[in-house]
N, C-alpha and C. Protein backbone atom coordinates (compact mmCIF):
# COMPACT_ATOMS: atom_id res chain seq x y z
N MET A 1 16.80 -10.13 5.32
CA MET A 1 15.39 -9.09 4.99
C MET A 1 16.31 -7.82 4.85
N GLN A 2 15.64 -6.89 3.45
CA GLN A 2 16.75 -5.99 2.75
C GLN A 2 15.60 -4.68 3.83
N ASN A 3 16.69 -3.99 4.32
CA ASN A 3 16.28 -2.84 5.06
C ASN A 3 15.84 -1.50 4.06
N ILE A 4 15.10 -0.85 4.84
CA ILE A 4 14.67 0.24 4.12
C ILE A 4 14.58 1.42 5.07
N THR A 5 15.30 2.39 4.66
CA THR A 5 15.28 3.46 5.85
C THR A 5 13.80 4.13 5.69
N GLN A 6 13.58 4.77 6.70
CA GLN A 6 12.35 5.47 7.04
C GLN A 6 12.22 6.73 6.07
N SER A 7 13.36 7.23 5.54
CA SER A 7 13.56 8.49 4.83
C SER A 7 13.08 7.88 3.34
N GLU A 8 13.76 6.75 2.88
CA GLU A 8 13.23 6.29 1.62
C GLU A 8 11.72 5.72 1.76
N TYR A 9 11.40 5.39 2.79
CA TYR A 9 9.99 4.71 2.51
C TYR A 9 8.93 6.24 2.60
N ASN A 10 9.30 7.10 3.59
CA ASN A 10 8.56 8.34 3.03
C ASN A 10 8.50 8.91 1.83
N LYS A 11 9.59 8.70 1.01
CA LYS A 11 10.04 9.39 -0.46
C LYS A 11 9.37 8.77 -1.37
N GLU A 12 9.40 7.04 -1.08
CA GLU A 12 8.59 6.41 -1.96
C GLU A 12 7.00 6.19 -1.96
N ILE A 13 6.34 6.92 -0.81
CA ILE A 13 5.25 6.80 -0.20
C ILE A 13 4.62 8.26 -1.08
N GLN A 14 5.45 9.15 -1.08
CA GLN A 14 4.93 10.52 -1.59
C GLN A 14 5.24 10.21 -3.27
N SER A 15 6.20 9.70 -3.72
CA SER A 15 6.32 9.57 -4.85
C SER A 15 5.13 8.57 -5.67
N LEU A 16 5.01 7.78 -5.09
CA LEU A 16 3.72 6.56 -5.54
C LEU A 16 2.42 7.38 -5.32
N ALA A 17 2.13 8.09 -4.59
CA ALA A 17 0.74 8.63 -4.21
C ALA A 17 0.43 9.93 -5.51
N GLN A 18 1.74 10.59 -5.79
CA GLN A 18 1.93 11.54 -6.80
C GLN A 18 1.45 10.58 -8.19
N GLU A 19 2.18 9.50 -8.52
CA GLU A 19 1.97 8.65 -9.70
C GLU A 19 0.69 8.39 -9.63
N ILE A 20 -0.01 7.95 -8.49
CA ILE A 20 -1.47 7.45 -8.51
C ILE A 20 -2.28 8.13 -8.72
N TRP A 21 -2.07 9.51 -8.23
CA TRP A 21 -3.24 10.69 -8.61
C TRP A 21 -3.03 10.87 -9.98
N ARG A 22 -1.90 10.94 -10.46
CA ARG A 22 -1.49 11.32 -12.15
C ARG A 22 -2.47 10.28 -12.74
N GLU A 23 -2.26 9.14 -12.48
CA GLU A 23 -2.63 7.72 -13.24
C GLU A 23 -4.38 7.88 -13.03
N ALA A 24 -4.70 8.42 -11.86
CA ALA A 24 -6.26 8.21 -11.72
C ALA A 24 -6.94 9.21 -12.37
N LEU A 25 -6.24 10.50 -12.51
CA LEU A 25 -6.63 11.54 -13.33
C LEU A 25 -6.89 11.32 -14.80
N GLU A 26 -5.77 10.70 -15.69
CA GLU A 26 -5.35 10.46 -16.69
C GLU A 26 -6.69 9.09 -17.14
N GLN A 27 -7.03 8.08 -16.38
CA GLN A 27 -8.13 7.10 -16.57
C GLN A 27 -9.07 7.90 -16.50
N ALA A 28 -9.78 9.01 -15.78
CA ALA A 28 -10.83 9.68 -15.74
C ALA A 28 -10.64 10.96 -16.66
N ASN A 29 -10.06 11.01 -17.65
CA ASN A 29 -9.95 12.35 -18.66
C ASN A 29 -10.10 13.29 -17.66
N ASN A 30 -9.29 13.57 -16.85
CA ASN A 30 -9.23 15.00 -15.75
C ASN A 30 -10.45 15.10 -15.41
N ASP A 31 -11.42 14.44 -14.74
CA ASP A 31 -12.82 14.84 -14.67
C ASP A 31 -12.43 14.31 -12.83
N ARG A 32 -11.82 15.07 -11.75
CA ARG A 32 -11.75 14.75 -10.56
C ARG A 32 -12.40 13.78 -9.83
N GLU A 33 -13.80 14.12 -10.21
CA GLU A 33 -14.50 13.18 -8.98
C GLU A 33 -14.64 11.82 -9.63
N ASP A 34 -14.26 11.70 -10.84
CA ASP A 34 -14.03 10.20 -11.44
C ASP A 34 -13.05 9.67 -11.01
N ALA A 35 -11.89 10.67 -10.99
CA ALA A 35 -10.40 10.23 -10.66
C ALA A 35 -10.35 9.78 -8.97
N TYR A 36 -10.96 10.62 -8.19
CA TYR A 36 -11.18 10.32 -6.83
C TYR A 36 -11.80 8.97 -6.66
N ASP A 37 -12.65 8.63 -7.12
CA ASP A 37 -13.18 7.11 -7.26
C ASP A 37 -12.62 6.25 -7.88
N LEU A 38 -11.67 6.24 -8.53
CA LEU A 38 -10.52 5.43 -9.00
C LEU A 38 -9.31 5.34 -7.94
N ILE A 39 -9.44 6.13 -7.21
CA ILE A 39 -8.26 6.18 -6.38
C ILE A 39 -7.86 4.88 -5.31
N TYR A 40 -8.90 3.98 -4.82
CA TYR A 40 -8.71 2.86 -4.34
C TYR A 40 -8.12 1.88 -5.37
N ASP A 41 -8.66 1.49 -6.37
CA ASP A 41 -8.43 0.53 -7.31
C ASP A 41 -6.95 0.69 -7.92
N VAL A 42 -6.70 2.03 -8.23
CA VAL A 42 -5.25 2.61 -8.63
C VAL A 42 -4.32 2.30 -7.35
N THR A 43 -4.33 2.46 -6.62
CA THR A 43 -3.60 2.28 -5.46
C THR A 43 -3.12 0.84 -5.32
N HIS A 44 -4.19 0.02 -5.13
CA HIS A 44 -4.02 -1.37 -4.81
C HIS A 44 -3.10 -2.00 -6.02
N GLU A 45 -3.16 -1.69 -7.20
CA GLU A 45 -2.67 -2.29 -8.41
C GLU A 45 -1.03 -1.52 -8.35
N TYR A 46 -0.85 -0.61 -7.95
CA TYR A 46 0.29 0.01 -7.72
C TYR A 46 1.22 -0.68 -6.39
N VAL A 47 0.41 -0.66 -5.39
CA VAL A 47 1.09 -1.07 -4.20
C VAL A 47 1.32 -2.65 -4.36
N ASP A 48 0.20 -3.36 -5.19
CA ASP A 48 0.47 -4.97 -5.14
C ASP A 48 1.37 -5.40 -6.10
N GLY A 49 2.03 -4.21 -7.05
CA GLY A 49 2.96 -4.76 -7.79
C GLY A 49 4.41 -4.41 -7.49
N HIS A 50 4.37 -3.18 -6.30
CA HIS A 50 5.53 -2.49 -5.82
C HIS A 50 6.57 -3.57 -5.34
N GLN A 51 7.74 -3.39 -5.75
CA GLN A 51 9.24 -4.32 -5.42
C GLN A 51 9.09 -4.41 -4.00
N TRP A 52 8.90 -3.81 -3.06
CA TRP A 52 8.86 -4.00 -1.95
C TRP A 52 7.89 -5.12 -1.36
N ILE A 53 6.57 -5.39 -2.08
CA ILE A 53 5.94 -6.01 -1.58
C ILE A 53 6.08 -7.55 -2.48
N ILE A 54 6.49 -7.42 -3.93
CA ILE A 54 6.73 -8.63 -4.72
C ILE A 54 7.63 -9.34 -3.74
N TYR A 55 9.05 -8.77 -3.18
CA TYR A 55 10.17 -9.48 -2.86
C TYR A 55 10.15 -9.39 -1.42
N SER A 56 9.71 -10.63 -0.77
CA SER A 56 9.21 -10.79 0.49
C SER A 56 10.67 -10.32 1.70
N ALA A 57 12.13 -10.26 0.94
CA ALA A 57 12.98 -9.92 1.99
C ALA A 57 12.60 -8.33 2.45
N TYR A 58 11.79 -7.41 1.50
CA TYR A 58 11.40 -6.20 2.16
C TYR A 58 10.04 -5.92 3.07
N ASN A 59 9.26 -6.98 2.79
CA ASN A 59 8.04 -7.15 3.78
C ASN A 59 8.09 -6.32 5.39
N GLN A 60 8.95 -7.04 5.97
CA GLN A 60 9.04 -7.14 7.44
C GLN A 60 9.58 -5.40 7.23
N SER A 61 10.55 -5.04 6.38
CA SER A 61 10.87 -3.40 6.61
C SER A 61 9.85 -2.21 6.30
N VAL A 62 8.73 -3.06 5.59
CA VAL A 62 7.88 -2.06 4.68
C VAL A 62 6.98 -1.86 6.15
N THR A 63 6.67 -2.98 6.83
CA THR A 63 5.79 -3.15 8.16
C THR A 63 6.71 -1.92 8.95
N GLU A 64 7.75 -2.11 9.34
CA GLU A 64 8.47 -1.32 10.48
C GLU A 64 8.46 0.09 10.20
N CYS A 65 8.28 0.35 8.71
CA CYS A 65 8.66 1.80 8.90
C CYS A 65 7.02 2.61 8.42
N SER A 66 6.43 1.66 8.22
CA SER A 66 4.62 2.03 8.00
C SER A 66 4.14 2.70 9.26
N TYR A 67 3.23 3.89 8.68
CA TYR A 67 2.70 4.78 9.64
C TYR A 67 1.12 3.93 10.05
N ASN A 68 0.90 2.79 9.47
CA ASN A 68 -0.36 1.75 9.65
C ASN A 68 0.07 0.64 9.86
N PRO A 69 0.86 0.15 10.67
CA PRO A 69 1.40 -1.39 10.81
C PRO A 69 0.30 -2.23 10.86
N ASN A 70 -0.66 -1.82 11.46
CA ASN A 70 -2.13 -2.83 12.02
C ASN A 70 -3.20 -2.40 11.10
N ALA A 71 -2.87 -1.84 9.82
CA ALA A 71 -3.89 -1.73 8.89
C ALA A 71 -4.75 -3.22 8.18
N TYR A 72 -3.70 -4.04 8.45
CA TYR A 72 -4.41 -5.53 8.31
C TYR A 72 -5.76 -5.81 8.80
N GLN A 73 -6.10 -5.06 10.26
CA GLN A 73 -7.13 -5.07 11.35
C GLN A 73 -8.35 -4.82 10.62
N ASP A 74 -8.32 -4.10 9.61
CA ASP A 74 -9.42 -3.55 8.58
C ASP A 74 -10.03 -4.62 8.04
N ILE A 75 -9.18 -6.07 7.54
CA ILE A 75 -9.66 -6.76 6.65
C ILE A 75 -9.38 -7.98 6.88
N TYR A 76 -8.80 -8.38 8.03
CA TYR A 76 -8.67 -9.71 8.39
C TYR A 76 -8.50 -9.67 9.78
N ASP A 77 -8.97 -10.97 10.25
CA ASP A 77 -8.97 -11.31 11.81
C ASP A 77 -8.32 -12.17 12.04
N ASP A 78 -8.04 -12.57 13.10
CA ASP A 78 -6.93 -13.87 13.60
C ASP A 78 -7.15 -15.02 12.83
N THR A 79 -8.65 -15.36 13.03
CA THR A 79 -8.60 -16.77 12.32
C THR A 79 -8.21 -16.61 10.75
N GLY A 80 -8.58 -15.46 9.96
CA GLY A 80 -8.63 -15.40 8.91
C GLY A 80 -6.84 -15.30 8.56
N LEU A 81 -6.01 -14.59 9.46
CA LEU A 81 -4.65 -14.74 9.29
C LEU A 81 -3.98 -15.96 9.34
N GLY A 82 -4.39 -16.80 10.51
CA GLY A 82 -4.20 -17.98 10.89
C GLY A 82 -4.39 -18.96 9.30
N GLN A 83 -5.61 -18.89 8.48
CA GLN A 83 -5.81 -19.64 7.61
C GLN A 83 -4.53 -19.22 6.51
N LEU A 84 -4.34 -18.29 6.42
CA LEU A 84 -3.40 -17.53 5.56
C LEU A 84 -2.07 -18.35 5.49
N VAL A 85 -1.61 -18.00 7.00
CA VAL A 85 -0.08 -18.55 7.24
C VAL A 85 -0.32 -20.28 6.97
N ALA A 86 -1.79 -20.90 7.29
CA ALA A 86 -1.79 -22.32 7.24
C ALA A 86 -1.78 -22.81 5.74
N GLU A 87 -1.98 -21.52 4.74
CA GLU A 87 -2.14 -22.20 3.30
C GLU A 87 -0.84 -21.87 2.59
N GLY A 88 -0.36 -20.80 3.21
CA GLY A 88 1.08 -20.04 2.56
C GLY A 88 1.89 -19.85 3.26
N GLY A 89 1.91 -20.14 4.41
CA GLY A 89 3.39 -20.32 5.13
C GLY A 89 3.47 -18.64 5.80
N VAL A 90 4.47 -18.60 6.64
CA VAL A 90 4.96 -17.21 7.40
C VAL A 90 5.16 -15.99 6.26
N SER A 91 5.65 -16.41 5.14
CA SER A 91 6.07 -15.59 4.05
C SER A 91 5.03 -14.62 3.77
N GLN A 92 3.58 -15.40 3.68
CA GLN A 92 2.47 -15.15 3.04
C GLN A 92 1.59 -14.12 3.98
N LEU A 93 2.23 -14.24 5.52
CA LEU A 93 1.77 -13.47 6.63
C LEU A 93 2.55 -11.98 6.15
N TYR A 94 3.57 -11.91 6.16
CA TYR A 94 4.30 -10.69 5.90
C TYR A 94 3.95 -9.96 4.98
N ARG A 95 3.76 -10.73 3.61
CA ARG A 95 3.15 -9.83 2.63
C ARG A 95 1.83 -9.16 2.76
N ILE A 96 1.01 -10.17 3.33
CA ILE A 96 -0.21 -9.45 3.82
C ILE A 96 -0.15 -7.99 4.83
N LEU A 97 0.67 -8.04 5.76
CA LEU A 97 1.00 -7.17 6.68
C LEU A 97 1.71 -5.86 5.67
N ALA A 98 2.42 -6.32 5.03
CA ALA A 98 3.33 -5.35 4.32
C ALA A 98 2.35 -4.36 3.35
N ILE A 99 1.66 -5.35 2.52
CA ILE A 99 0.59 -4.82 1.44
C ILE A 99 -0.35 -3.68 2.30
N CYS A 100 -1.00 -4.32 3.55
CA CYS A 100 -2.14 -3.58 4.03
C CYS A 100 -1.56 -2.28 4.38
N ALA A 101 -0.20 -2.41 5.15
CA ALA A 101 0.26 -1.22 5.90
C ALA A 101 0.82 -0.57 4.76
N MET A 102 1.32 -0.69 3.56
CA MET A 102 1.84 0.36 2.51
C MET A 102 0.64 0.98 1.82
N HIS A 103 -0.51 0.14 1.44
CA HIS A 103 -1.57 0.52 1.09
C HIS A 103 -2.34 1.57 1.94
N ALA A 104 -2.31 1.68 2.97
CA ALA A 104 -2.82 2.47 3.77
C ALA A 104 -1.97 3.95 3.95
N ASP A 105 -0.78 3.87 3.88
CA ASP A 105 -0.02 4.87 4.09
C ASP A 105 0.19 5.62 2.76
N VAL A 106 0.12 4.79 1.33
CA VAL A 106 -0.13 5.60 0.44
C VAL A 106 -1.53 5.97 0.13
N SER A 107 -2.33 5.54 0.62
CA SER A 107 -4.18 5.98 0.28
C SER A 107 -4.22 7.36 1.07
N GLU A 108 -3.34 7.20 2.37
CA GLU A 108 -3.63 8.69 3.21
C GLU A 108 -3.05 9.75 2.35
N VAL A 109 -1.93 9.60 1.68
CA VAL A 109 -1.32 10.87 1.07
C VAL A 109 -2.00 11.08 -0.41
N VAL A 110 -2.39 10.02 -1.15
CA VAL A 110 -3.15 10.27 -2.41
C VAL A 110 -4.40 10.95 -2.09
N TYR A 111 -5.40 10.67 -1.05
CA TYR A 111 -6.45 11.17 -0.88
C TYR A 111 -6.46 12.42 -0.51
N GLY A 112 -4.90 12.60 0.35
CA GLY A 112 -5.06 14.48 0.60
C GLY A 112 -4.18 14.78 -0.65
N LEU A 113 -3.91 14.47 -1.46
CA LEU A 113 -3.60 15.31 -2.74
C LEU A 113 -4.90 15.25 -3.60
N ALA A 114 -5.56 14.71 -3.50
CA ALA A 114 -6.58 14.83 -4.42
C ALA A 114 -7.74 15.78 -3.59
N GLU A 115 -7.98 15.69 -2.60
CA GLU A 115 -8.50 16.71 -1.80
C GLU A 115 -7.88 18.10 -1.69
N GLY A 116 -6.89 18.32 -1.69
CA GLY A 116 -6.03 19.31 -1.57
C GLY A 116 -5.40 20.16 -2.67
N GLU A 117 -5.75 19.59 -3.87
CA GLU A 117 -5.32 20.28 -5.10
C GLU A 117 -6.80 21.11 -5.56
C-alpha cells in the first residue's frame, strides 16, 4: 500500500476541484449554470482517471483519508458489493470504495466553488 498523508490528500482534493470547475466552465463557454450541470460528469472523469484510483496500491489510503469513506453506500448495497468482489476480486472492492469516497470529497469542494464564486 502506498501511504498518502492527510495533508497530501487535502491538497489534491482542492487542486482537483479547482481544475474540474475550470474545465466545466470551459466546456460550458463560461456559462455558470451550464457549467454547474457538468460538474458531476467532469468530476467522474477526473477521479476515475486519477493515479490514486488507477493504481490499486493507493486505494486503501484514499479511503482512510477521505471525509466520505462510506460514500459507496449511496450507490451499492451489500449484495452489489458482494457481486463485485465475486467477479473482480477484493482489489475491485477497494477501487470502488476509493472512487466513491474521492468523488464525494471532490464533489463537495467543487460544488462549493461553483456556488461561492
